[in-house]
């Protein structure tokens, strides 16, 4: 009721009229600052910035390791934490080190034995051969012959 009376009377009280304008000005400034923060990326988390910088180290953009059979987004993130962000990096990685990294992250059931071969094909850009290899895999593992 007070708000309706204030607006209908035009804020006859000397202190209320300017208060409405101040509140509107503050709202407008907050909207503009929010828009600037969203468009300029001022609210990026440090983790996102560090991950982007890590992926661009040595002039190589990070590859999408999830394109390899048996690697999902969470495992790709674990590998990135170990410094493996490219197909070439995974192809050159020691399988024992990859297994230890996965074990430490709680992925003891993962079998990375086919990942270096897949990564080598992807690094060369031979996606036809990669697809053929992946068709013979199940969950990143070589399918058992019957």
N, C-alpha and C. Protein backbone atom coordinates (compact mmCIF):
# COMPACT_ATOMS: atom_id res chain seq x y z
N UNK A 1 0.82 -1.18 0.00
CA UNK A 1 0.00 0.00 0.00
C UNK A 1 0.88 1.26 0.00
N UNK A 2 1.97 1.21 0.72
CA UNK A 2 2.84 2.37 0.79
C UNK A 2 3.42 2.68 -0.59
N UNK A 3 3.82 1.63 -1.30
CA UNK A 3 4.40 1.83 -2.62
C UNK A 3 3.38 2.42 -3.58
N UNK A 4 2.14 1.94 -3.53
CA UNK A 4 1.10 2.47 -4.42
C UNK A 4 0.83 3.93 -4.09
N UNK A 5 0.77 4.25 -2.82
CA UNK A 5 0.51 5.63 -2.41
C UNK A 5 1.67 6.54 -2.83
N UNK A 6 2.90 6.04 -2.71
CA UNK A 6 4.05 6.86 -3.09
C UNK A 6 4.04 7.17 -4.58
N UNK A 7 3.74 6.16 -5.40
CA UNK A 7 3.72 6.39 -6.84
C UNK A 7 2.52 7.23 -7.28
N UNK A 8 1.37 7.03 -6.61
CA UNK A 8 0.18 7.80 -7.00
C UNK A 8 0.31 9.27 -6.57
N UNK A 9 0.96 9.51 -5.46
CA UNK A 9 1.15 10.88 -5.00
C UNK A 9 2.37 11.53 -5.64
N UNK A 10 3.15 10.73 -6.37
CA UNK A 10 4.32 11.28 -7.02
C UNK A 10 5.47 11.49 -6.06
N UNK A 11 5.44 10.82 -4.96
CA UNK A 11 6.53 10.94 -4.01
C UNK A 11 6.57 12.33 -3.38
N UNK A 12 5.45 12.77 -2.84
CA UNK A 12 5.39 14.09 -2.26
C UNK A 12 6.33 14.25 -1.09
N UNK A 13 6.66 13.13 -0.47
CA UNK A 13 7.64 13.19 0.61
C UNK A 13 8.99 13.55 -0.01
N UNK A 14 9.67 14.52 0.50
CA UNK A 14 10.88 15.06 -0.13
C UNK A 14 11.98 14.00 -0.31
N UNK A 15 12.03 12.99 0.57
CA UNK A 15 13.13 12.02 0.50
C UNK A 15 12.83 10.79 -0.33
N UNK A 16 11.62 10.55 -0.76
CA UNK A 16 11.27 9.30 -1.42
C UNK A 16 11.48 9.37 -2.94
N UNK A 17 11.20 10.43 -3.59
CA UNK A 17 11.31 10.56 -5.04
C UNK A 17 12.72 10.28 -5.54
N UNK A 18 13.69 10.84 -4.90
CA UNK A 18 15.08 10.61 -5.33
C UNK A 18 15.51 9.18 -5.05
N UNK A 19 14.95 8.56 -4.02
CA UNK A 19 15.29 7.18 -3.69
C UNK A 19 14.87 6.22 -4.81
N UNK A 20 13.71 6.46 -5.39
CA UNK A 20 13.24 5.63 -6.50
C UNK A 20 14.21 5.75 -7.66
N UNK A 21 14.65 6.96 -7.96
CA UNK A 21 15.59 7.17 -9.08
C UNK A 21 16.95 6.52 -8.80
N UNK A 22 17.39 6.58 -7.56
CA UNK A 22 18.67 5.95 -7.19
C UNK A 22 18.58 4.44 -7.36
N UNK A 23 17.49 3.85 -6.93
CA UNK A 23 17.30 2.41 -7.07
C UNK A 23 17.28 2.03 -8.55
N UNK A 24 16.58 2.79 -9.38
CA UNK A 24 16.54 2.52 -10.81
C UNK A 24 17.93 2.66 -11.43
N UNK A 25 18.69 3.65 -11.02
CA UNK A 25 20.04 3.85 -11.53
C UNK A 25 20.94 2.67 -11.15
N UNK A 26 20.86 2.23 -9.91
CA UNK A 26 21.65 1.09 -9.46
C UNK A 26 21.28 -0.15 -10.25
N UNK A 27 20.00 -0.37 -10.48
CA UNK A 27 19.54 -1.51 -11.27
C UNK A 27 20.12 -1.45 -12.68
N UNK A 28 20.05 -0.29 -13.30
CA UNK A 28 20.57 -0.11 -14.65
C UNK A 28 22.07 -0.39 -14.70
N UNK A 29 22.82 0.12 -13.74
CA UNK A 29 24.27 -0.10 -13.69
C UNK A 29 24.57 -1.59 -13.52
N UNK A 30 23.83 -2.28 -12.68
CA UNK A 30 24.05 -3.71 -12.47
C UNK A 30 23.77 -4.51 -13.74
N UNK A 31 22.72 -4.13 -14.48
CA UNK A 31 22.42 -4.81 -15.74
C UNK A 31 23.55 -4.62 -16.73
N UNK A 32 24.06 -3.39 -16.85
CA UNK A 32 25.16 -3.11 -17.77
C UNK A 32 26.41 -3.88 -17.36
N UNK A 33 26.74 -3.88 -16.08
CA UNK A 33 27.92 -4.62 -15.61
C UNK A 33 27.76 -6.13 -15.84
N UNK A 34 26.59 -6.66 -15.62
CA UNK A 34 26.35 -8.08 -15.88
C UNK A 34 26.52 -8.43 -17.34
N UNK A 35 26.01 -7.57 -18.19
CA UNK A 35 26.15 -7.79 -19.63
C UNK A 35 27.62 -7.74 -20.04
N UNK A 36 28.36 -6.76 -19.53
CA UNK A 36 29.79 -6.66 -19.85
C UNK A 36 30.56 -7.88 -19.35
N UNK A 37 30.26 -8.31 -18.14
CA UNK A 37 30.95 -9.48 -17.58
C UNK A 37 30.69 -10.73 -18.41
N UNK A 38 29.46 -10.88 -18.88
CA UNK A 38 29.12 -12.07 -19.67
C UNK A 38 29.77 -12.02 -21.05
N UNK A 39 29.79 -10.88 -21.68
CA UNK A 39 30.33 -10.81 -23.04
C UNK A 39 31.85 -10.76 -23.07
N UNK A 40 32.46 -10.23 -22.05
CA UNK A 40 33.93 -10.13 -22.01
C UNK A 40 34.59 -11.33 -21.36
N UNK A 41 33.81 -12.23 -20.76
CA UNK A 41 34.37 -13.41 -20.13
C UNK A 41 35.05 -13.11 -18.80
N UNK A 42 34.63 -12.07 -18.13
CA UNK A 42 35.25 -11.70 -16.86
C UNK A 42 34.96 -12.71 -15.75
N UNK A 43 33.96 -13.53 -15.94
CA UNK A 43 33.56 -14.45 -14.88
C UNK A 43 34.08 -15.87 -15.11
N UNK A 44 35.03 -16.04 -16.03
CA UNK A 44 35.60 -17.36 -16.26
C UNK A 44 36.30 -17.85 -15.02
N UNK A 45 36.10 -19.11 -14.75
CA UNK A 45 36.77 -19.70 -13.59
C UNK A 45 38.24 -19.89 -13.92
N UNK A 46 39.08 -19.88 -12.91
CA UNK A 46 40.52 -20.09 -13.10
C UNK A 46 40.78 -21.45 -13.72
N UNK A 47 40.00 -22.45 -13.35
CA UNK A 47 40.19 -23.81 -13.87
C UNK A 47 39.98 -23.82 -15.39
N UNK A 48 38.95 -23.11 -15.88
CA UNK A 48 38.70 -23.06 -17.31
C UNK A 48 39.84 -22.37 -18.03
N UNK A 49 40.33 -21.27 -17.47
CA UNK A 49 41.42 -20.54 -18.09
C UNK A 49 42.69 -21.38 -18.11
N UNK A 50 42.96 -22.07 -17.02
CA UNK A 50 44.16 -22.90 -16.95
C UNK A 50 44.06 -24.06 -17.93
N UNK A 51 42.86 -24.64 -18.06
CA UNK A 51 42.68 -25.76 -18.98
C UNK A 51 42.88 -25.30 -20.42
N UNK A 52 42.35 -24.13 -20.77
CA UNK A 52 42.53 -23.61 -22.12
C UNK A 52 44.00 -23.33 -22.40
N UNK A 53 44.69 -22.74 -21.43
CA UNK A 53 46.11 -22.44 -21.62
C UNK A 53 46.91 -23.73 -21.74
N UNK A 54 46.55 -24.74 -20.94
CA UNK A 54 47.27 -26.01 -20.98
C UNK A 54 47.09 -26.69 -22.33
N UNK A 55 45.91 -26.61 -22.90
CA UNK A 55 45.64 -27.24 -24.17
C UNK A 55 46.37 -26.58 -25.32
N UNK A 56 46.77 -25.32 -25.17
CA UNK A 56 47.45 -24.60 -26.23
C UNK A 56 48.96 -24.59 -26.07
N UNK A 57 49.49 -25.31 -25.06
CA UNK A 57 50.92 -25.28 -24.85
C UNK A 57 51.66 -25.93 -26.01
N UNK A 58 52.85 -25.52 -26.25
CA UNK A 58 53.71 -26.02 -27.32
C UNK A 58 53.10 -25.82 -28.70
N UNK A 59 52.16 -24.88 -28.83
CA UNK A 59 51.59 -24.57 -30.13
C UNK A 59 50.61 -25.61 -30.65
N UNK A 60 50.23 -26.59 -29.84
CA UNK A 60 49.30 -27.63 -30.28
C UNK A 60 47.96 -27.42 -29.58
N UNK A 61 46.92 -27.40 -30.36
CA UNK A 61 45.59 -27.33 -29.77
C UNK A 61 45.26 -28.69 -29.19
N UNK A 62 44.51 -28.71 -28.12
CA UNK A 62 44.11 -29.97 -27.51
C UNK A 62 43.18 -30.71 -28.46
N UNK A 63 43.40 -32.02 -28.59
CA UNK A 63 42.53 -32.86 -29.41
C UNK A 63 41.37 -33.36 -28.56
N UNK A 64 40.32 -33.79 -29.22
CA UNK A 64 39.17 -34.36 -28.52
C UNK A 64 39.41 -35.85 -28.33
N UNK A 65 39.97 -36.19 -27.19
CA UNK A 65 40.31 -37.59 -26.91
C UNK A 65 39.08 -38.47 -26.79
N UNK A 66 37.90 -37.87 -26.61
CA UNK A 66 36.69 -38.67 -26.50
C UNK A 66 36.30 -39.31 -27.83
N UNK A 67 36.97 -38.94 -28.89
CA UNK A 67 36.72 -39.58 -30.19
C UNK A 67 37.32 -40.99 -30.23
N UNK A 68 38.15 -41.30 -29.26
CA UNK A 68 38.76 -42.63 -29.19
C UNK A 68 37.84 -43.56 -28.41
N UNK A 69 37.73 -44.79 -28.88
CA UNK A 69 36.89 -45.80 -28.23
C UNK A 69 37.41 -46.08 -26.83
N UNK A 70 36.51 -45.99 -25.84
CA UNK A 70 36.88 -46.29 -24.46
C UNK A 70 37.20 -45.07 -23.63
N UNK A 71 37.25 -43.87 -24.26
CA UNK A 71 37.55 -42.65 -23.52
C UNK A 71 36.33 -41.74 -23.54
N UNK A 72 35.84 -41.45 -22.35
CA UNK A 72 34.72 -40.53 -22.22
C UNK A 72 35.21 -39.18 -21.69
N UNK A 73 34.30 -38.25 -21.48
CA UNK A 73 34.69 -36.92 -21.02
C UNK A 73 35.44 -36.91 -19.69
N UNK A 74 35.03 -37.75 -18.74
CA UNK A 74 35.70 -37.77 -17.44
C UNK A 74 37.12 -38.32 -17.54
N UNK A 75 37.29 -39.37 -18.34
CA UNK A 75 38.62 -39.95 -18.51
C UNK A 75 39.51 -38.97 -19.28
N UNK A 76 38.95 -38.29 -20.26
CA UNK A 76 39.72 -37.28 -21.00
C UNK A 76 40.20 -36.18 -20.06
N UNK A 77 39.37 -35.83 -19.10
CA UNK A 77 39.75 -34.82 -18.12
C UNK A 77 40.87 -35.33 -17.21
N UNK A 78 40.80 -36.59 -16.84
CA UNK A 78 41.86 -37.19 -16.02
C UNK A 78 43.18 -37.19 -16.80
N UNK A 79 43.10 -37.57 -18.08
CA UNK A 79 44.31 -37.59 -18.91
C UNK A 79 44.87 -36.18 -19.08
N UNK A 80 43.99 -35.20 -19.23
CA UNK A 80 44.44 -33.81 -19.35
C UNK A 80 45.16 -33.37 -18.08
N UNK A 81 44.67 -33.83 -16.94
CA UNK A 81 45.34 -33.53 -15.68
C UNK A 81 46.74 -34.10 -15.61
N UNK A 82 46.98 -35.17 -16.36
CA UNK A 82 48.30 -35.78 -16.41
C UNK A 82 49.13 -35.21 -17.55
N UNK A 83 48.59 -34.22 -18.24
CA UNK A 83 49.33 -33.55 -19.32
C UNK A 83 49.13 -34.18 -20.69
N UNK A 84 48.20 -35.11 -20.81
CA UNK A 84 47.94 -35.76 -22.10
C UNK A 84 46.68 -35.13 -22.69
N UNK A 85 46.86 -34.24 -23.67
CA UNK A 85 45.72 -33.54 -24.27
C UNK A 85 45.65 -33.71 -25.77
N UNK A 86 46.63 -34.37 -26.36
CA UNK A 86 46.64 -34.53 -27.81
C UNK A 86 46.72 -36.00 -28.17
N UNK A 87 46.32 -36.31 -29.41
CA UNK A 87 46.42 -37.69 -29.90
C UNK A 87 47.89 -38.13 -29.90
N UNK A 88 48.77 -37.24 -30.36
CA UNK A 88 50.19 -37.58 -30.40
C UNK A 88 50.74 -37.83 -29.00
N UNK A 89 50.30 -37.04 -28.05
CA UNK A 89 50.74 -37.22 -26.66
C UNK A 89 50.29 -38.54 -26.09
N UNK A 90 49.06 -38.94 -26.41
CA UNK A 90 48.56 -40.22 -25.92
C UNK A 90 49.25 -41.38 -26.63
N UNK A 91 49.52 -41.22 -27.92
CA UNK A 91 50.21 -42.27 -28.68
C UNK A 91 51.61 -42.51 -28.13
N UNK A 92 52.26 -41.45 -27.67
CA UNK A 92 53.62 -41.56 -27.15
C UNK A 92 53.67 -41.90 -25.67
N UNK A 93 52.54 -41.82 -25.00
CA UNK A 93 52.51 -42.05 -23.55
C UNK A 93 52.79 -43.51 -23.21
N UNK A 94 53.45 -43.70 -22.11
CA UNK A 94 53.75 -45.04 -21.60
C UNK A 94 52.46 -45.63 -21.03
N UNK A 95 52.12 -46.84 -21.47
CA UNK A 95 50.86 -47.46 -21.04
C UNK A 95 50.82 -47.64 -19.53
N UNK A 96 51.95 -47.94 -18.91
CA UNK A 96 52.00 -48.12 -17.47
C UNK A 96 51.65 -46.81 -16.76
N UNK A 97 52.18 -45.70 -17.27
CA UNK A 97 51.88 -44.39 -16.67
C UNK A 97 50.41 -44.06 -16.82
N UNK A 98 49.84 -44.36 -17.98
CA UNK A 98 48.42 -44.10 -18.20
C UNK A 98 47.58 -44.94 -17.24
N UNK A 99 47.94 -46.21 -17.09
CA UNK A 99 47.22 -47.08 -16.15
C UNK A 99 47.30 -46.54 -14.72
N UNK A 100 48.48 -46.11 -14.30
CA UNK A 100 48.66 -45.56 -12.95
C UNK A 100 47.82 -44.30 -12.76
N UNK A 101 47.76 -43.47 -13.79
CA UNK A 101 46.95 -42.25 -13.73
C UNK A 101 45.48 -42.59 -13.57
N UNK A 102 45.02 -43.56 -14.34
CA UNK A 102 43.62 -43.99 -14.25
C UNK A 102 43.32 -44.61 -12.90
N UNK A 103 44.24 -45.46 -12.40
CA UNK A 103 44.05 -46.09 -11.10
C UNK A 103 43.94 -45.05 -10.00
N UNK A 104 44.81 -44.04 -10.05
CA UNK A 104 44.80 -42.99 -9.03
C UNK A 104 43.50 -42.20 -9.04
N UNK A 105 42.86 -42.11 -10.21
CA UNK A 105 41.60 -41.38 -10.33
C UNK A 105 40.39 -42.26 -10.05
N UNK A 106 40.63 -43.53 -9.74
CA UNK A 106 39.53 -44.43 -9.41
C UNK A 106 38.96 -45.17 -10.62
N UNK A 107 39.69 -45.19 -11.71
CA UNK A 107 39.24 -45.89 -12.92
C UNK A 107 40.08 -47.16 -13.14
N UNK A 108 40.13 -48.00 -12.12
CA UNK A 108 40.95 -49.20 -12.19
C UNK A 108 40.43 -50.20 -13.22
N UNK A 109 39.18 -50.13 -13.54
CA UNK A 109 38.58 -51.07 -14.49
C UNK A 109 38.86 -50.70 -15.95
N UNK A 110 39.41 -49.53 -16.21
CA UNK A 110 39.66 -49.08 -17.59
C UNK A 110 40.82 -49.86 -18.19
N UNK A 111 40.72 -50.14 -19.49
CA UNK A 111 41.78 -50.84 -20.21
C UNK A 111 42.29 -49.93 -21.32
N UNK A 112 43.41 -49.24 -21.10
CA UNK A 112 43.93 -48.30 -22.09
C UNK A 112 44.84 -48.94 -23.14
N UNK A 113 44.83 -50.26 -23.24
CA UNK A 113 45.79 -50.93 -24.13
C UNK A 113 45.62 -50.55 -25.60
N UNK A 114 44.41 -50.23 -26.04
CA UNK A 114 44.21 -49.88 -27.45
C UNK A 114 44.33 -48.38 -27.70
N UNK A 115 44.40 -47.58 -26.67
CA UNK A 115 44.39 -46.13 -26.84
C UNK A 115 45.59 -45.60 -27.61
N UNK A 116 46.83 -46.06 -27.34
CA UNK A 116 47.96 -45.54 -28.11
C UNK A 116 47.83 -45.82 -29.61
N UNK A 117 47.34 -47.00 -29.96
CA UNK A 117 47.17 -47.34 -31.38
C UNK A 117 46.10 -46.45 -32.02
N UNK A 118 44.99 -46.27 -31.31
CA UNK A 118 43.94 -45.39 -31.82
C UNK A 118 44.45 -43.95 -31.95
N UNK A 119 45.15 -43.50 -30.93
CA UNK A 119 45.66 -42.13 -30.91
C UNK A 119 46.67 -41.90 -32.03
N UNK A 120 47.50 -42.90 -32.32
CA UNK A 120 48.49 -42.77 -33.39
C UNK A 120 47.79 -42.59 -34.74
N UNK A 121 46.72 -43.36 -34.97
CA UNK A 121 45.97 -43.22 -36.22
C UNK A 121 45.30 -41.86 -36.31
N UNK A 122 44.73 -41.40 -35.19
CA UNK A 122 44.08 -40.09 -35.18
C UNK A 122 45.09 -38.97 -35.37
N UNK A 123 46.27 -39.12 -34.78
CA UNK A 123 47.31 -38.09 -34.92
C UNK A 123 47.77 -37.97 -36.37
N UNK A 124 47.78 -39.10 -37.09
CA UNK A 124 48.17 -39.09 -38.50
C UNK A 124 47.03 -38.59 -39.39
N UNK A 125 45.82 -38.53 -38.83
CA UNK A 125 44.67 -38.12 -39.61
C UNK A 125 44.06 -39.26 -40.41
N UNK A 126 44.43 -40.48 -40.10
CA UNK A 126 43.91 -41.65 -40.80
C UNK A 126 42.63 -42.13 -40.10
N UNK A 127 41.57 -41.37 -40.32
CA UNK A 127 40.33 -41.66 -39.60
C UNK A 127 39.59 -42.86 -40.16
N UNK A 128 39.88 -43.24 -41.41
CA UNK A 128 39.27 -44.46 -41.98
C UNK A 128 39.83 -45.68 -41.25
N UNK A 129 41.14 -45.72 -41.07
CA UNK A 129 41.77 -46.84 -40.35
C UNK A 129 41.35 -46.83 -38.88
N UNK A 130 41.20 -45.63 -38.32
CA UNK A 130 40.76 -45.51 -36.92
C UNK A 130 39.36 -46.09 -36.78
N UNK A 131 38.48 -45.76 -37.70
CA UNK A 131 37.11 -46.28 -37.64
C UNK A 131 37.09 -47.80 -37.77
N UNK A 132 37.93 -48.33 -38.65
CA UNK A 132 38.02 -49.78 -38.83
C UNK A 132 38.49 -50.45 -37.53
N UNK A 133 39.51 -49.86 -36.91
CA UNK A 133 40.00 -50.39 -35.63
C UNK A 133 38.91 -50.31 -34.57
N UNK A 134 38.23 -49.16 -34.49
CA UNK A 134 37.20 -48.99 -33.47
C UNK A 134 36.05 -49.97 -33.65
N UNK A 135 35.75 -50.33 -34.89
CA UNK A 135 34.68 -51.31 -35.14
C UNK A 135 35.03 -52.68 -34.56
N UNK A 136 36.32 -52.95 -34.40
CA UNK A 136 36.75 -54.24 -33.84
C UNK A 136 36.88 -54.20 -32.32
N UNK A 137 36.64 -53.02 -31.73
CA UNK A 137 36.78 -52.87 -30.28
C UNK A 137 35.41 -52.85 -29.61
N UNK A 138 35.43 -53.17 -28.34
CA UNK A 138 34.21 -53.07 -27.52
C UNK A 138 34.62 -52.43 -26.20
N UNK A 139 34.18 -51.20 -25.99
CA UNK A 139 34.55 -50.47 -24.77
C UNK A 139 36.03 -50.16 -24.71
N UNK A 140 36.65 -50.03 -25.87
CA UNK A 140 38.08 -49.72 -25.92
C UNK A 140 38.97 -50.95 -25.85
N UNK A 141 38.35 -52.12 -25.75
CA UNK A 141 39.11 -53.37 -25.66
C UNK A 141 38.95 -54.17 -26.95
N UNK A 142 39.97 -54.90 -27.28
CA UNK A 142 39.87 -55.77 -28.46
C UNK A 142 38.86 -56.87 -28.15
N UNK A 143 37.91 -57.01 -29.05
CA UNK A 143 36.85 -58.00 -28.86
C UNK A 143 37.45 -59.40 -28.92
N UNK A 144 36.97 -60.25 -28.05
CA UNK A 144 37.46 -61.63 -28.00
C UNK A 144 37.01 -62.37 -29.25
N UNK A 145 37.92 -63.11 -29.84
CA UNK A 145 37.60 -63.91 -31.02
C UNK A 145 36.87 -65.17 -30.61
N UNK A 146 35.88 -65.55 -31.42
CA UNK A 146 35.10 -66.76 -31.09
C UNK A 146 35.57 -67.91 -31.90
